[in-house]
Amino acid sequence: MIRSLGAVIAAATLSLAGSAAAQTVTPFATGLNSLRGVAVDSSNNVLVNEVFTGQTLRIPAGGGVPTAYATTGSPEGVTVAVTGDVFISGSDVYRSTAANVGSIYASPPAYSLGMDIDSGGQLYAIVGDEIHLVTPGATTPLVTVGLSEPYGLAIGPSDLVLVSDQTLNQIFRINGDGSLTLYADFNGVGRTPVGLVFRGAELYVVVRQGEVWRVGALGEAPSLFAPLGALGTSFDIAVQPDGAALYVTWDSGDIERVSLPPLPAPAAVPTLSEWAMILLGLAMAGGAALILQRRVAR
């Protein structure tokens, strides 16, 4: 059934609109030891790296007592594959297949930081000031020039790969040929982007100054999304699989949870017939305005 002209126009408008607003910021875990990378698994358990104890901890979805998940000696970044395997960066890239079950996956030539996995299961990691593709027992440089002090890495829709640079205060898109394209510039707002995560098509960025910022698209100016607590230096950010909340780590040993509104339902895309109705309605409205203008002129 073809919808009414008004409904069609409303649907077309909704398909071009979208926004998000931060909700409550609450403590999720406290009393931990110098936190860095954070990730959320399919059951909404939070995985977080304690640098000084050399452990990756797992915290239940509803909060509670953390338990040891992996001991790697120098954990930094962490990400979860669709298979449930957990990858942890640091002096080595470590793969954990279950709590306290895992082994070295690859040994990069330099300390590894942020990492993420694309839709094909390929693992990307920051290695020193380069970006590498990581496979069992090996790493292959993809980006070797152009970065100064990269930290966070996130992969979004259509395998869009982004990396933050905390010296340049910028976020770059990594192109297939290894070149970089400026994605967002934080110099104008005086902030240092570190952790990155996508929620749908929107990029959320935690800055060292204890805030979450949002970038809607390539070249869009970043906007402040949520001020956090004054807990030290914030490092990394992760999102629940259902998009309901963000988690942010602090070097003070705390994790904060930022609740989010539901993801908007996809707007109905008008059919060709409905687009024809829209154009007809606009033409009729324009014709009526022209007739009215002529009558007034008389």
C-alpha atoms as a PDB file:
ATOM      1  CA  MET A   1       0.000   0.000   0.000  1.00  0.00           C
ATOM      2  CA  ILE A   2       1.332   3.450  -0.913  1.00  0.00           C
ATOM      3  CA  ARG A   3       1.465   5.753   2.063  1.00  0.00           C
ATOM      4  CA  SER A   4      -0.029   9.218   2.120  1.00  0.00           C
ATOM      5  CA  LEU A   5       2.001  12.075   0.688  1.00  0.00           C
ATOM      6  CA  GLY A   6       2.504  13.534   4.163  1.00  0.00           C
ATOM      7  CA  ALA A   7       3.760  10.212   5.518  1.00  0.00           C
ATOM      8  CA  VAL A   8       6.121   9.787   2.587  1.00  0.00           C
ATOM      9  CA  ILE A   9       7.586  13.260   3.050  1.00  0.00           C
ATOM     10  CA  ALA A  10       7.963  12.624   6.797  1.00  0.00           C
ATOM     11  CA  ALA A  11       9.764   9.331   6.119  1.00  0.00           C
ATOM     12  CA  ALA A  12      12.101  11.027   3.669  1.00  0.00           C
ATOM     13  CA  THR A  13      12.892  13.689   6.250  1.00  0.00           C
ATOM     14  CA  LEU A  14      13.551  11.121   8.972  1.00  0.00           C
ATOM     15  CA  SER A  15      15.859   9.171   6.695  1.00  0.00           C
ATOM     16  CA  LEU A  16      18.133  12.229   6.549  1.00  0.00           C
ATOM     17  CA  ALA A  17      18.035  13.008  10.258  1.00  0.00           C
ATOM     18  CA  GLY A  18      19.606  11.376  13.301  1.00  0.00           C
ATOM     19  CA  SER A  19      21.117  12.413  16.608  1.00  0.00           C
ATOM     20  CA  ALA A  20      22.220  10.999  19.939  1.00  0.00           C
ATOM     21  CA  ALA A  21      22.293  12.454  23.406  1.00  0.00           C
ATOM     22  CA  ALA A  22      24.234  11.250  26.389  1.00  0.00           C
ATOM     23  CA  GLN A  23      22.284  10.070  29.400  1.00  0.00           C
ATOM     24  CA  THR A  24      23.570   9.324  32.900  1.00  0.00           C
ATOM     25  CA  VAL A  25      27.275   8.958  33.641  1.00  0.00           C
ATOM     26  CA  THR A  26      27.809   6.574  36.570  1.00  0.00           C
ATOM     27  CA  PRO A  27      30.747   4.741  38.204  1.00  0.00           C
ATOM     28  CA  PHE A  28      30.922   1.142  36.976  1.00  0.00           C
ATOM     29  CA  ALA A  29      34.073  -0.090  38.725  1.00  0.00           C
ATOM     30  CA  THR A  30      36.559   1.518  41.115  1.00  0.00           C
ATOM     31  CA  GLY A  31      39.709   0.577  42.971  1.00  0.00           C
ATOM     32  CA  LEU A  32      41.470  -1.076  40.035  1.00  0.00           C
ATOM     33  CA  ASN A  33      45.065  -0.410  38.989  1.00  0.00           C
ATOM     34  CA  SER A  34      46.020   1.970  36.162  1.00  0.00           C
ATOM     35  CA  LEU A  35      43.546   0.992  33.436  1.00  0.00           C
ATOM     36  CA  ARG A  36      44.072   1.154  29.689  1.00  0.00           C
ATOM     37  CA  GLY A  37      42.159  -0.814  27.031  1.00  0.00           C
ATOM     38  CA  VAL A  38      38.512  -1.791  27.435  1.00  0.00           C
ATOM     39  CA  ALA A  39      36.130  -3.976  25.415  1.00  0.00           C
ATOM     40  CA  VAL A  40      32.683  -5.529  25.855  1.00  0.00           C
ATOM     41  CA  ASP A  41      31.876  -9.107  24.862  1.00  0.00           C
ATOM     42  CA  SER A  42      28.626 -10.479  23.436  1.00  0.00           C
ATOM     43  CA  SER A  43      27.256 -11.054  26.956  1.00  0.00           C
ATOM     44  CA  ASN A  44      28.032  -7.442  27.953  1.00  0.00           C
ATOM     45  CA  ASN A  45      30.863  -8.505  30.247  1.00  0.00           C
ATOM     46  CA  VAL A  46      33.479  -5.751  30.405  1.00  0.00           C
ATOM     47  CA  LEU A  47      37.109  -6.682  29.727  1.00  0.00           C
ATOM     48  CA  VAL A  48      39.698  -4.199  30.938  1.00  0.00           C
ATOM     49  CA  ASN A  49      43.494  -4.105  31.094  1.00  0.00           C
ATOM     50  CA  GLU A  50      45.419  -3.319  34.281  1.00  0.00           C
ATOM     51  CA  VAL A  51      48.865  -2.207  33.160  1.00  0.00           C
ATOM     52  CA  PHE A  52      50.746  -2.509  36.447  1.00  0.00           C
ATOM     53  CA  THR A  53      49.429  -5.951  37.406  1.00  0.00           C
ATOM     54  CA  GLY A  54      49.789  -7.284  33.852  1.00  0.00           C
ATOM     55  CA  GLN A  55      46.251  -8.644  33.849  1.00  0.00           C
ATOM     56  CA  THR A  56      43.102  -8.441  31.775  1.00  0.00           C
ATOM     57  CA  LEU A  57      40.106  -8.485  34.101  1.00  0.00           C
ATOM     58  CA  ARG A  58      36.507  -9.424  33.368  1.00  0.00           C
ATOM     59  CA  ILE A  59      33.661  -7.609  35.111  1.00  0.00           C
ATOM     60  CA  PRO A  60      30.065  -8.929  34.941  1.00  0.00           C
ATOM     61  CA  ALA A  61      27.590  -6.942  32.859  1.00  0.00           C
ATOM     62  CA  GLY A  62      25.781  -5.683  35.940  1.00  0.00           C
ATOM     63  CA  GLY A  63      28.998  -4.790  37.745  1.00  0.00           C
ATOM     64  CA  GLY A  64      30.545  -6.644  40.635  1.00  0.00           C
ATOM     65  CA  VAL A  65      33.872  -8.205  41.549  1.00  0.00           C
ATOM     66  CA  PRO A  66      36.395  -8.386  38.696  1.00  0.00           C
ATOM     67  CA  THR A  67      38.000 -11.744  37.967  1.00  0.00           C
ATOM     68  CA  ALA A  68      41.262 -12.489  36.183  1.00  0.00           C
ATOM     69  CA  TYR A  69      40.714 -13.314  32.523  1.00  0.00           C
ATOM     70  CA  ALA A  70      44.279 -13.346  31.177  1.00  0.00           C
ATOM     71  CA  THR A  71      47.798 -12.552  32.356  1.00  0.00           C
ATOM     72  CA  THR A  72      50.065 -11.241  29.617  1.00  0.00           C
ATOM     73  CA  GLY A  73      52.554  -9.098  31.523  1.00  0.00           C
ATOM     74  CA  SER A  74      51.949  -5.817  29.705  1.00  0.00           C
ATOM     75  CA  PRO A  75      48.372  -5.456  28.422  1.00  0.00           C
ATOM     76  CA  GLU A  76      47.386  -2.302  26.563  1.00  0.00           C
ATOM     77  CA  GLY A  77      44.586  -2.650  23.982  1.00  0.00           C
ATOM     78  CA  VAL A  78      41.858  -5.285  23.925  1.00  0.00           C
ATOM     79  CA  THR A  79      39.219  -6.314  21.403  1.00  0.00           C
ATOM     80  CA  VAL A  80      36.741  -9.180  21.031  1.00  0.00           C
ATOM     81  CA  ALA A  81      36.233 -11.166  17.809  1.00  0.00           C
ATOM     82  CA  VAL A  82      32.830 -12.444  16.690  1.00  0.00           C
ATOM     83  CA  THR A  83      34.111 -15.925  17.580  1.00  0.00           C
ATOM     84  CA  GLY A  84      34.446 -14.789  21.191  1.00  0.00           C
ATOM     85  CA  ASP A  85      38.246 -14.854  21.111  1.00  0.00           C
ATOM     86  CA  VAL A  86      39.829 -11.954  22.973  1.00  0.00           C
ATOM     87  CA  PHE A  87      42.923 -10.251  21.553  1.00  0.00           C
ATOM     88  CA  ILE A  88      45.197  -8.271  23.877  1.00  0.00           C
ATOM     89  CA  SER A  89      48.013  -6.000  22.716  1.00  0.00           C
ATOM     90  CA  GLY A  90      51.218  -5.002  24.480  1.00  0.00           C
ATOM     91  CA  SER A  91      54.726  -6.405  24.155  1.00  0.00           C
ATOM     92  CA  ASP A  92      53.064  -9.248  22.255  1.00  0.00           C
ATOM     93  CA  VAL A  93      49.624  -9.714  20.740  1.00  0.00           C
ATOM     94  CA  TYR A  94      47.932 -12.376  22.838  1.00  0.00           C
ATOM     95  CA  ARG A  95      44.844 -14.405  21.949  1.00  0.00           C
ATOM     96  CA  SER A  96      42.646 -15.760  24.734  1.00  0.00           C
ATOM     97  CA  THR A  97      40.014 -18.370  23.857  1.00  0.00           C
ATOM     98  CA  ALA A  98      38.553 -18.585  27.374  1.00  0.00           C
ATOM     99  CA  ALA A  99      39.282 -17.317  30.848  1.00  0.00           C
ATOM    100  CA  ASN A 100      42.950 -18.024  31.623  1.00  0.00           C
ATOM    101  CA  VAL A 101      43.346 -20.007  28.397  1.00  0.00           C
ATOM    102  CA  GLY A 102      45.435 -18.442  25.666  1.00  0.00           C
ATOM    103  CA  SER A 103      48.822 -17.923  24.060  1.00  0.00           C
ATOM    104  CA  ILE A 104      50.933 -15.457  22.087  1.00  0.00           C
ATOM    105  CA  TYR A 105      49.317 -14.811  18.704  1.00  0.00           C
ATOM    106  CA  ALA A 106      52.083 -12.653  17.194  1.00  0.00           C
ATOM    107  CA  SER A 107      55.163 -10.731  18.330  1.00  0.00           C
ATOM    108  CA  PRO A 108      55.260  -7.264  16.717  1.00  0.00           C
ATOM    109  CA  PRO A 109      58.596  -5.463  16.353  1.00  0.00           C
ATOM    110  CA  ALA A 110      57.442  -2.729  18.760  1.00  0.00           C
ATOM    111  CA  TYR A 111      54.948  -2.260  21.571  1.00  0.00           C
ATOM    112  CA  SER A 112      51.364  -2.542  20.301  1.00  0.00           C
ATOM    113  CA  LEU A 113      48.458  -0.351  21.368  1.00  0.00           C
ATOM    114  CA  GLY A 114      44.901   0.064  20.037  1.00  0.00           C
ATOM    115  CA  MET A 115      43.462  -2.608  17.764  1.00  0.00           C
ATOM    116  CA  ASP A 116      40.231  -3.774  16.167  1.00  0.00           C
ATOM    117  CA  ILE A 117      38.877  -6.437  13.808  1.00  0.00           C
ATOM    118  CA  ASP A 118      37.190  -5.873  10.442  1.00  0.00           C
ATOM    119  CA  SER A 119      34.182  -7.721   9.017  1.00  0.00           C
ATOM    120  CA  GLY A 120      36.459 -10.334   7.438  1.00  0.00           C
ATOM    121  CA  GLY A 121      38.161 -11.171  10.725  1.00  0.00           C
ATOM    122  CA  GLN A 122      41.377  -9.294   9.921  1.00  0.00           C
ATOM    123  CA  LEU A 123      43.101  -7.862  12.996  1.00  0.00           C
ATOM    124  CA  TYR A 124      44.565  -4.336  12.763  1.00  0.00           C
ATOM    125  CA  ALA A 125      46.910  -3.028  15.465  1.00  0.00           C
ATOM    126  CA  ILE A 126      48.974   0.039  16.228  1.00  0.00           C
ATOM    127  CA  VAL A 127      52.610  -1.053  16.434  1.00  0.00           C
ATOM    128  CA  GLY A 128      54.864   1.752  17.582  1.00  0.00           C
ATOM    129  CA  ASP A 129      53.983   4.622  15.241  1.00  0.00           C
ATOM    130  CA  GLU A 130      52.758   2.312  12.462  1.00  0.00           C
ATOM    131  CA  ILE A 131      49.587   0.361  11.665  1.00  0.00           C
ATOM    132  CA  HIS A 132      50.026  -3.374  11.078  1.00  0.00           C
ATOM    133  CA  LEU A 133      47.834  -6.224   9.935  1.00  0.00           C
ATOM    134  CA  VAL A 134      48.250  -9.057  12.423  1.00  0.00           C
ATOM    135  CA  THR A 135      48.106 -12.732  11.492  1.00  0.00           C
ATOM    136  CA  PRO A 136      49.181 -15.829  13.451  1.00  0.00           C
ATOM    137  CA  GLY A 137      52.900 -15.474  14.071  1.00  0.00           C
ATOM    138  CA  ALA A 138      53.387 -12.346  11.961  1.00  0.00           C
ATOM    139  CA  THR A 139      52.566  -8.677  11.482  1.00  0.00           C
ATOM    140  CA  THR A 140      52.552  -6.815   8.162  1.00  0.00           C
ATOM    141  CA  PRO A 141      53.017  -3.017   8.051  1.00  0.00           C
ATOM    142  CA  LEU A 142      50.150  -1.163   6.379  1.00  0.00           C
ATOM    143  CA  VAL A 143      50.820   2.448   7.437  1.00  0.00           C
ATOM    144  CA  THR A 144      54.484   3.335   8.000  1.00  0.00           C
ATOM    145  CA  VAL A 145      54.562   7.139   7.668  1.00  0.00           C
ATOM    146  CA  GLY A 146      52.365  10.068   8.671  1.00  0.00           C
ATOM    147  CA  LEU A 147      51.623   9.232  12.307  1.00  0.00           C
ATOM    148  CA  SER A 148      53.406  10.650  15.347  1.00  0.00           C
ATOM    149  CA  GLU A 149      51.943   9.046  18.491  1.00  0.00           C
ATOM    150  CA  PRO A 150      48.919   6.926  17.552  1.00  0.00           C
ATOM    151  CA  TYR A 151      46.875   5.360  20.320  1.00  0.00           C
ATOM    152  CA  GLY A 152      43.287   4.366  19.498  1.00  0.00           C
ATOM    153  CA  LEU A 153      42.058   2.346  16.529  1.00  0.00           C
ATOM    154  CA  ALA A 154      38.475   1.553  15.529  1.00  0.00           C
ATOM    155  CA  ILE A 155      36.797  -0.076  12.547  1.00  0.00           C
ATOM    156  CA  GLY A 156      33.323   1.061  11.543  1.00  0.00           C
ATOM    157  CA  PRO A 157      30.735   0.485   8.826  1.00  0.00           C
ATOM    158  CA  SER A 158      32.079  -0.708   5.462  1.00  0.00           C
ATOM    159  CA  ASP A 159      35.359  -1.510   7.250  1.00  0.00           C
ATOM    160  CA  LEU A 160      36.222   2.150   7.725  1.00  0.00           C
ATOM    161  CA  VAL A 161      39.478   2.114   9.720  1.00  0.00           C
ATOM    162  CA  LEU A 162      40.302   5.104  11.929  1.00  0.00           C
ATOM    163  CA  VAL A 163      43.276   5.894  14.144  1.00  0.00           C
ATOM    164  CA  SER A 164      43.778   8.659  16.699  1.00  0.00           C
ATOM    165  CA  ASP A 165      47.061  10.521  17.132  1.00  0.00           C
ATOM    166  CA  GLN A 166      47.597  12.062  20.557  1.00  0.00           C
ATOM    167  CA  THR A 167      50.470  14.315  19.491  1.00  0.00           C
ATOM    168  CA  LEU A 168      48.814  15.676  16.361  1.00  0.00           C
ATOM    169  CA  ASN A 169      45.397  15.831  18.128  1.00  0.00           C
ATOM    170  CA  GLN A 170      43.785  14.391  15.012  1.00  0.00           C
ATOM    171  CA  ILE A 171      41.942  11.297  13.807  1.00  0.00           C
ATOM    172  CA  PHE A 172      42.828   9.790  10.450  1.00  0.00           C
ATOM    173  CA  ARG A 173      41.132   7.413   8.052  1.00  0.00           C
ATOM    174  CA  ILE A 174      43.402   4.608   6.874  1.00  0.00           C
ATOM    175  CA  ASN A 175      43.022   4.034   3.151  1.00  0.00           C
ATOM    176  CA  GLY A 176      43.496   0.719   1.414  1.00  0.00           C
ATOM    177  CA  ASP A 177      46.856   1.784  -0.014  1.00  0.00           C
ATOM    178  CA  GLY A 178      48.187   2.710   3.426  1.00  0.00           C
ATOM    179  CA  SER A 179      47.754   6.463   2.978  1.00  0.00           C
ATOM    180  CA  LEU A 180      45.982   8.655   5.531  1.00  0.00           C
ATOM    181  CA  THR A 181      43.064  11.060   5.188  1.00  0.00           C
ATOM    182  CA  LEU A 182      42.224  13.535   7.953  1.00  0.00           C
ATOM    183  CA  TYR A 183      38.905  12.466   9.475  1.00  0.00           C
ATOM    184  CA  ALA A 184      38.529  14.825  12.444  1.00  0.00           C
ATOM    185  CA  ASP A 185      40.672  17.598  13.919  1.00  0.00           C
ATOM    186  CA  PHE A 186      40.615  18.264  17.676  1.00  0.00           C
ATOM    187  CA  ASN A 187      43.156  21.085  17.658  1.00  0.00           C
ATOM    188  CA  GLY A 188      40.394  23.666  17.420  1.00  0.00           C
ATOM    189  CA  VAL A 189      38.773  22.434  20.629  1.00  0.00           C
ATOM    190  CA  GLY A 190      42.051  21.911  22.478  1.00  0.00           C
ATOM    191  CA  ARG A 191      41.515  18.211  23.145  1.00  0.00           C
ATOM    192  CA  THR A 192      43.650  15.075  22.779  1.00  0.00           C
ATOM    193  CA  PRO A 193      41.772  12.148  21.202  1.00  0.00           C
ATOM    194  CA  VAL A 194      42.742   8.677  22.409  1.00  0.00           C
ATOM    195  CA  GLY A 195      40.165   5.876  22.512  1.00  0.00           C
ATOM    196  CA  LEU A 196      37.749   5.412  19.593  1.00  0.00           C
ATOM    197  CA  VAL A 197      34.596   3.354  19.119  1.00  0.00           C
ATOM    198  CA  PHE A 198      31.760   3.258  16.595  1.00  0.00           C
ATOM    199  CA  ARG A 199      28.093   3.061  17.515  1.00  0.00           C
ATOM    200  CA  GLY A 200      26.428   2.487  14.193  1.00  0.00           C
ATOM    201  CA  ALA A 201      27.807   5.138  11.843  1.00  0.00           C
ATOM    202  CA  GLU A 202      28.684   7.553  14.649  1.00  0.00           C
ATOM    203  CA  LEU A 203      32.186   7.763  16.103  1.00  0.00           C
ATOM    204  CA  TYR A 204      32.624   8.321  19.826  1.00  0.00           C
ATOM    205  CA  VAL A 205      35.979   9.580  21.047  1.00  0.00           C
ATOM    206  CA  VAL A 206      37.314   9.744  24.589  1.00  0.00           C
ATOM    207  CA  VAL A 207      39.868  12.502  25.087  1.00  0.00           C
ATOM    208  CA  ARG A 208      42.589  12.589  27.716  1.00  0.00           C
ATOM    209  CA  GLN A 209      40.848  15.528  29.375  1.00  0.00           C
ATOM    210  CA  GLY A 210      37.986  13.345  30.639  1.00  0.00           C
ATOM    211  CA  GLU A 211      35.252  13.852  28.071  1.00  0.00           C
ATOM    212  CA  VAL A 212      33.461  11.910  25.351  1.00  0.00           C
ATOM    213  CA  TRP A 213      33.129  13.643  21.980  1.00  0.00           C
ATOM    214  CA  ARG A 214      31.113  12.658  18.923  1.00  0.00           C
ATOM    215  CA  VAL A 215      32.027  12.847  15.228  1.00  0.00           C
ATOM    216  CA  GLY A 216      29.192  12.151  12.809  1.00  0.00           C
ATOM    217  CA  ALA A 217      31.109  11.853   9.540  1.00  0.00           C
ATOM    218  CA  LEU A 218      34.327  12.607   7.675  1.00  0.00           C
ATOM    219  CA  GLY A 219      35.220  16.280   8.038  1.00  0.00           C
ATOM    220  CA  GLU A 220      32.471  17.011  10.584  1.00  0.00           C
ATOM    221  CA  ALA A 221      33.565  19.140  13.519  1.00  0.00           C
ATOM    222  CA  PRO A 222      33.687  17.137  16.763  1.00  0.00           C
ATOM    223  CA  SER A 223      31.018  17.982  19.338  1.00  0.00           C
ATOM    224  CA  LEU A 224      31.080  17.444  23.088  1.00  0.00           C
ATOM    225  CA  PHE A 225      28.880  14.477  23.984  1.00  0.00           C
ATOM    226  CA  ALA A 226      29.448  13.858  27.701  1.00  0.00           C
ATOM    227  CA  PRO A 227      31.692  15.381  30.363  1.00  0.00           C
ATOM    228  CA  LEU A 228      33.017  12.654  32.651  1.00  0.00           C
ATOM    229  CA  GLY A 229      34.351  12.642  36.204  1.00  0.00           C
ATOM    230  CA  ALA A 230      37.648  14.167  37.317  1.00  0.00           C
ATOM    231  CA  LEU A 231      39.439  10.872  37.814  1.00  0.00           C
ATOM    232  CA  GLY A 232      42.814  11.511  36.189  1.00  0.00           C
ATOM    233  CA  THR A 233      43.523  10.780  32.534  1.00  0.00           C
ATOM    234  CA  SER A 234      40.951   8.919  30.459  1.00  0.00           C
ATOM    235  CA  PHE A 235      42.293   6.373  27.981  1.00  0.00           C
ATOM    236  CA  ASP A 236      39.927   4.063  26.159  1.00  0.00           C
ATOM    237  CA  ILE A 237      36.259   3.613  25.286  1.00  0.00           C
ATOM    238  CA  ALA A 238      34.041   0.668  24.360  1.00  0.00           C
ATOM    239  CA  VAL A 239      30.358   0.195  23.552  1.00  0.00           C
ATOM    240  CA  GLN A 240      27.923  -2.576  24.444  1.00  0.00           C
ATOM    241  CA  PRO A 241      26.932  -4.774  21.474  1.00  0.00           C
ATOM    242  CA  ASP A 242      23.372  -3.431  21.670  1.00  0.00           C
ATOM    243  CA  GLY A 243      24.633   0.164  21.786  1.00  0.00           C
ATOM    244  CA  ALA A 244      23.050   0.827  25.168  1.00  0.00           C
ATOM    245  CA  ALA A 245      26.121   2.165  26.976  1.00  0.00           C
ATOM    246  CA  LEU A 246      29.697   3.324  26.637  1.00  0.00           C
ATOM    247  CA  TYR A 247      32.482   2.379  29.056  1.00  0.00           C
ATOM    248  CA  VAL A 248      35.507   4.624  29.653  1.00  0.00           C
ATOM    249  CA  THR A 249      38.741   3.743  31.498  1.00  0.00           C
ATOM    250  CA  TRP A 250      40.882   6.000  33.659  1.00  0.00           C
ATOM    251  CA  ASP A 251      44.477   5.693  34.795  1.00  0.00           C
ATOM    252  CA  SER A 252      43.145   6.190  38.342  1.00  0.00           C
ATOM    253  CA  GLY A 253      41.747   2.652  38.158  1.00  0.00           C
ATOM    254  CA  ASP A 254      38.099   3.588  37.587  1.00  0.00           C
ATOM    255  CA  ILE A 255      35.597   2.760  34.840  1.00  0.00           C
ATOM    256  CA  GLU A 256      32.647   5.006  34.079  1.00  0.00           C
ATOM    257  CA  ARG A 257      29.471   3.958  32.269  1.00  0.00           C
ATOM    258  CA  VAL A 258      27.666   6.379  29.957  1.00  0.00           C
ATOM    259  CA  SER A 259      24.103   5.273  29.226  1.00  0.00           C
ATOM    260  CA  LEU A 260      22.773   5.951  25.730  1.00  0.00           C
ATOM    261  CA  PRO A 261      19.301   6.291  24.235  1.00  0.00           C
ATOM    262  CA  PRO A 262      18.061   3.463  21.999  1.00  0.00           C
ATOM    263  CA  LEU A 263      19.456   3.384  18.513  1.00  0.00           C
ATOM    264  CA  PRO A 264      16.927   4.967  16.135  1.00  0.00           C
ATOM    265  CA  ALA A 265      14.924   2.536  14.027  1.00  0.00           C
ATOM    266  CA  PRO A 266      15.864   2.691  10.350  1.00  0.00           C
ATOM    267  CA  ALA A 267      13.535   5.082   8.575  1.00  0.00           C
ATOM    268  CA  ALA A 268      11.482   3.643   5.730  1.00  0.00           C
ATOM    269  CA  VAL A 269      13.091   4.490   2.411  1.00  0.00           C
ATOM    270  CA  PRO A 270      10.540   5.869  -0.080  1.00  0.00           C
ATOM    271  CA  THR A 271       9.884   3.762  -3.163  1.00  0.00           C
ATOM    272  CA  LEU A 272      10.168   5.168  -6.690  1.00  0.00           C
ATOM    273  CA  SER A 273       6.398   5.678  -6.742  1.00  0.00           C
ATOM    274  CA  GLU A 274       6.567   7.518  -3.441  1.00  0.00           C
ATOM    275  CA  TRP A 275       9.417   9.720  -4.640  1.00  0.00           C
ATOM    276  CA  ALA A 276       7.223  10.542  -7.660  1.00  0.00           C
ATOM    277  CA  MET A 277       4.459  11.561  -5.235  1.00  0.00           C
ATOM    278  CA  ILE A 278       6.913  13.779  -3.350  1.00  0.00           C
ATOM    279  CA  LEU A 279       8.032  15.501  -6.543  1.00  0.00           C
ATOM    280  CA  LEU A 280       4.420  15.878  -7.686  1.00  0.00           C
ATOM    281  CA  GLY A 281       3.475  17.391  -4.341  1.00  0.00           C
ATOM    282  CA  LEU A 282       6.361  19.849  -4.518  1.00  0.00           C
ATOM    283  CA  ALA A 283       5.428  20.778  -8.094  1.00  0.00           C
ATOM    284  CA  MET A 284       1.786  21.303  -7.099  1.00  0.00           C
ATOM    285  CA  ALA A 285       2.821  23.434  -4.144  1.00  0.00           C
ATOM    286  CA  GLY A 286       5.074  25.509  -6.391  1.00  0.00           C
ATOM    287  CA  GLY A 287       2.290  25.936  -8.951  1.00  0.00           C
ATOM    288  CA  ALA A 288      -0.193  27.024  -6.304  1.00  0.00           C
ATOM    289  CA  ALA A 289       2.275  29.583  -4.981  1.00  0.00           C
ATOM    290  CA  LEU A 290       2.813  30.960  -8.477  1.00  0.00           C
ATOM    291  CA  ILE A 291      -0.965  31.300  -9.101  1.00  0.00           C
ATOM    292  CA  LEU A 292      -1.391  33.039  -5.760  1.00  0.00           C
ATOM    293  CA  GLN A 293       1.458  35.404  -6.568  1.00  0.00           C
ATOM    294  CA  ARG A 294      -0.146  36.333  -9.930  1.00  0.00           C
ATOM    295  CA  ARG A 295      -3.520  36.995  -8.294  1.00  0.00           C
ATOM    296  CA  VAL A 296      -1.921  39.257  -5.714  1.00  0.00           C
ATOM    297  CA  ALA A 297      -0.079  41.110  -8.485  1.00  0.00           C
ATOM    298  CA  ARG A 298      -3.400  41.874 -10.240  1.00  0.00           C
END
